[in-house]
Amino acid sequence: MKNDNSKQVLLSVLGVAILIVAVVGVSFAAFSYSKTGTKVNTITTGTITMNYSETTNGINLTNALPMSDEVGKKLSETDQYFDFTVNANITGNTTINYAITATREEDSDIPDTGVKVYLTDMDGTADTEILGPTKISALSKTSSDSSGAPDGQYLLETDTFNTTSSHNYRLRMWVADDYSVSDTAGTYKLRVNVYGQAAA
């Protein structure tokens, strides 16, 4: 009889212990579950690229003669302009600041004061002016800007992307009409770069 009582007490104690463990376990699970998903996770990514069909990302002047802005703005032969596209691939809620810059190649022998550039938007059917005829020497230079461009490059254009899209550009370059050409015809080589980074 005593043995049966001790078994019953032992089973009662075990039952109460199991009940306590079950209640604590369910409470913990409910607490853990209630916390799941309360934080909003936002993933924001984006990339920016430049595409061009020429063999190099730039434009060259060789043995060119000075010309007026009116003539330079209408240059239309294949080797007289540089077409390129800036593409943004954006996932999520991102704004990408980008800059189109240019750098002079070291083997250029015409000074920056003797060359003009002209940048247009080619997205529509019209050739829309973005940067009017400007001497290279008069262009501003990059300096700690929000697009991630290195310091000291010539700045042609800055813009932003908020959605996946692209912009088409055309860059023309010519010898300025006030530049005095010497007996030895010169060269000028300009390389175009695009830099971008997510806005803060």
Protein backbone atom coordinates (compact mmCIF):
# COMPACT_ATOMS: atom_id res chain seq x y z
CA MET A 1 0.00 0.00 0.00
CA LYS A 2 2.87 2.30 0.89
CA ASN A 3 4.51 1.37 -2.39
CA ASP A 4 1.36 2.36 -4.32
CA ASN A 5 1.22 5.72 -2.53
CA SER A 6 4.83 6.51 -3.36
CA LYS A 7 4.19 5.58 -7.03
CA GLN A 8 1.16 7.84 -7.08
CA VAL A 9 3.11 10.72 -5.51
CA LEU A 10 5.94 10.17 -7.99
CA LEU A 11 3.49 10.16 -10.94
CA SER A 12 1.81 13.30 -9.58
CA VAL A 13 5.17 15.07 -9.26
CA LEU A 14 6.15 13.97 -12.78
CA GLY A 15 2.79 15.11 -14.11
CA VAL A 16 3.15 18.54 -12.50
CA ALA A 17 6.75 18.83 -13.82
CA ILE A 18 5.66 17.90 -17.34
CA LEU A 19 2.79 20.40 -17.10
CA ILE A 20 5.20 23.17 -15.98
CA VAL A 21 7.64 22.35 -18.81
CA ALA A 22 4.79 22.35 -21.33
CA VAL A 23 3.43 25.71 -20.12
CA VAL A 24 6.90 27.31 -20.14
CA GLY A 25 7.66 25.84 -23.58
CA VAL A 26 4.41 27.09 -25.10
CA SER A 27 4.90 30.51 -23.52
CA PHE A 28 8.44 30.74 -24.89
CA ALA A 29 7.30 29.61 -28.34
CA ALA A 30 4.51 32.18 -28.31
CA PHE A 31 6.92 34.90 -27.21
CA SER A 32 9.44 33.95 -29.90
CA TYR A 33 6.78 33.78 -32.57
CA SER A 34 5.35 37.15 -31.64
CA LYS A 35 8.77 38.73 -32.27
CA THR A 36 9.26 37.13 -35.68
CA GLY A 37 8.66 39.49 -38.60
CA THR A 38 8.21 42.67 -36.58
CA LYS A 39 11.30 44.27 -38.22
CA VAL A 40 10.89 45.49 -41.80
CA ASN A 41 13.73 44.25 -43.99
CA THR A 42 14.40 46.45 -47.02
CA ILE A 43 16.85 45.27 -49.67
CA THR A 44 18.14 48.02 -51.92
CA THR A 45 20.55 47.31 -54.72
CA GLY A 46 21.51 48.89 -57.99
CA THR A 47 24.18 48.82 -60.67
CA ILE A 48 25.17 51.29 -63.34
CA THR A 49 27.03 50.55 -66.58
CA MET A 50 28.14 52.32 -69.74
CA ASN A 51 27.83 50.70 -73.16
CA TYR A 52 29.42 51.85 -76.41
CA SER A 53 29.89 50.28 -79.83
CA GLU A 54 33.32 51.74 -80.64
CA THR A 55 36.54 49.91 -79.75
CA THR A 56 37.42 52.47 -77.05
CA ASN A 57 35.38 54.63 -74.69
CA GLY A 58 36.30 57.97 -76.17
CA ILE A 59 36.84 60.26 -79.10
CA ASN A 60 39.99 61.34 -80.95
CA LEU A 61 40.94 64.37 -83.03
CA THR A 62 43.75 63.87 -85.53
CA ASN A 63 44.89 66.49 -88.05
CA ALA A 64 41.65 68.39 -87.46
CA LEU A 65 41.19 71.99 -88.51
CA PRO A 66 39.48 74.64 -86.36
CA MET A 67 35.75 75.09 -86.90
CA SER A 68 32.91 77.22 -85.58
CA ASP A 69 30.48 76.01 -82.96
CA GLU A 70 27.66 75.93 -85.50
CA VAL A 71 29.60 73.50 -87.68
CA GLY A 72 30.90 71.47 -84.70
CA LYS A 73 27.41 70.96 -83.27
CA LYS A 74 26.31 69.33 -86.54
CA LEU A 75 29.20 66.86 -86.94
CA SER A 76 27.59 63.65 -88.14
CA GLU A 77 30.26 61.45 -89.72
CA THR A 78 30.91 58.16 -87.92
CA ASP A 79 34.34 59.18 -86.61
CA GLN A 80 33.23 62.68 -85.54
CA TYR A 81 31.19 61.77 -82.48
CA PHE A 82 31.04 59.20 -79.70
CA ASP A 83 27.70 57.54 -78.85
CA PHE A 84 27.25 55.78 -75.53
CA THR A 85 24.48 54.56 -73.24
CA VAL A 86 24.30 54.72 -69.46
CA ASN A 87 22.18 51.90 -68.00
CA ALA A 88 20.86 51.46 -64.46
CA ASN A 89 19.56 48.19 -63.10
CA ILE A 90 17.76 48.94 -59.83
CA THR A 91 16.11 46.52 -57.43
CA GLY A 92 14.16 47.92 -54.53
CA ASN A 93 13.94 51.55 -53.50
CA THR A 94 17.29 52.99 -54.58
CA THR A 95 18.46 56.27 -56.08
CA ILE A 96 21.75 56.17 -57.96
CA ASN A 97 23.67 59.38 -58.57
CA TYR A 98 25.95 59.19 -61.59
CA ALA A 99 28.50 61.38 -63.30
CA ILE A 100 29.79 61.34 -66.87
CA THR A 101 33.42 62.43 -66.82
CA ALA A 102 36.29 62.73 -69.28
CA THR A 103 40.04 62.44 -69.06
CA ARG A 104 42.65 63.70 -71.51
CA GLU A 105 45.09 61.09 -72.82
CA GLU A 106 48.75 61.85 -72.17
CA ASP A 107 49.79 61.69 -75.84
CA SER A 108 47.46 64.60 -76.77
CA ASP A 109 49.45 67.61 -78.02
CA ILE A 110 46.66 70.17 -78.57
CA PRO A 111 46.10 72.12 -75.32
CA ASP A 112 42.79 71.97 -73.43
CA THR A 113 42.21 75.60 -74.44
CA GLY A 114 42.12 74.57 -78.11
CA VAL A 115 39.41 71.88 -77.99
CA LYS A 116 35.63 72.09 -77.48
CA VAL A 117 33.13 69.41 -76.51
CA TYR A 118 29.37 69.26 -76.98
CA LEU A 119 27.15 66.68 -75.19
CA THR A 120 23.61 65.88 -76.28
CA ASP A 121 20.79 63.61 -75.16
CA MET A 122 19.83 61.06 -77.80
CA ASP A 123 16.86 59.46 -75.99
CA GLY A 124 14.27 60.89 -78.33
CA THR A 125 14.33 61.64 -82.02
CA ALA A 126 15.87 65.05 -81.36
CA ASP A 127 19.50 65.76 -80.54
CA THR A 128 18.84 67.68 -77.28
CA GLU A 129 21.66 69.81 -75.87
CA ILE A 130 22.92 68.96 -72.38
CA LEU A 131 26.31 70.67 -72.41
CA GLY A 132 26.72 73.49 -74.92
CA PRO A 133 29.98 73.95 -76.83
CA THR A 134 32.58 74.31 -74.07
CA LYS A 135 36.36 74.37 -74.09
CA ILE A 136 37.90 71.50 -72.19
CA SER A 137 39.82 74.03 -70.09
CA ALA A 138 36.51 75.61 -68.98
CA LEU A 139 34.92 72.38 -67.74
CA SER A 140 34.59 71.95 -63.99
CA LYS A 141 36.43 69.03 -62.40
CA THR A 142 35.14 66.34 -60.10
CA SER A 143 35.80 66.82 -56.41
CA SER A 144 34.27 64.70 -53.64
CA ASP A 145 30.93 64.43 -55.40
CA SER A 146 28.10 62.04 -54.57
CA SER A 147 28.57 59.88 -57.67
CA GLY A 148 31.83 58.25 -56.62
CA ALA A 149 33.90 59.77 -59.43
CA PRO A 150 37.61 60.24 -58.65
CA ASP A 151 38.80 63.79 -58.07
CA GLY A 152 40.26 65.81 -60.94
CA GLN A 153 38.33 64.46 -63.95
CA TYR A 154 36.48 66.76 -66.34
CA LEU A 155 32.77 66.76 -65.52
CA LEU A 156 30.40 66.52 -68.50
CA GLU A 157 27.07 65.67 -66.83
CA THR A 158 25.50 64.52 -63.56
CA ASP A 159 22.10 62.90 -63.15
CA THR A 160 20.20 60.27 -61.14
CA PHE A 161 18.31 57.04 -61.72
CA ASN A 162 15.35 56.02 -59.52
CA THR A 163 14.20 53.07 -61.64
CA THR A 164 15.74 50.62 -64.05
CA SER A 165 16.24 52.62 -67.24
CA SER A 166 18.85 53.98 -69.64
CA HIS A 167 19.97 57.24 -71.23
CA ASN A 168 21.61 57.63 -74.64
CA TYR A 169 24.24 60.30 -75.17
CA ARG A 170 26.33 61.70 -78.03
CA LEU A 171 29.60 63.53 -77.49
CA ARG A 172 31.12 65.68 -80.24
CA MET A 173 34.56 67.28 -80.11
CA TRP A 174 36.37 69.72 -82.40
CA VAL A 175 39.24 72.20 -82.55
CA ALA A 176 38.03 75.62 -81.41
CA ASP A 177 37.89 78.30 -84.10
CA ASP A 178 40.08 80.66 -82.05
CA TYR A 179 42.91 78.11 -81.79
CA SER A 180 45.89 78.85 -84.02
CA VAL A 181 46.96 75.69 -85.83
CA SER A 182 50.71 75.35 -86.28
CA ASP A 183 52.43 73.78 -89.25
CA THR A 184 52.36 70.43 -87.44
CA ALA A 185 48.79 69.20 -87.08
CA GLY A 186 48.06 67.92 -83.60
CA THR A 187 45.99 65.31 -81.87
CA TYR A 188 43.65 65.29 -78.90
CA LYS A 189 42.26 62.14 -77.24
CA LEU A 190 39.48 62.20 -74.68
CA ARG A 191 38.27 59.16 -72.74
CA VAL A 192 34.75 59.07 -71.33
CA ASN A 193 33.91 57.42 -68.01
CA VAL A 194 30.72 56.92 -66.01
CA TYR A 195 30.65 56.58 -62.22
CA GLY A 196 27.68 55.93 -59.99
CA GLN A 197 26.76 55.14 -56.43
CA ALA A 198 23.65 54.90 -54.31
CA ALA A 199 22.48 58.16 -52.79
CA ALA A 200 22.93 58.45 -49.04
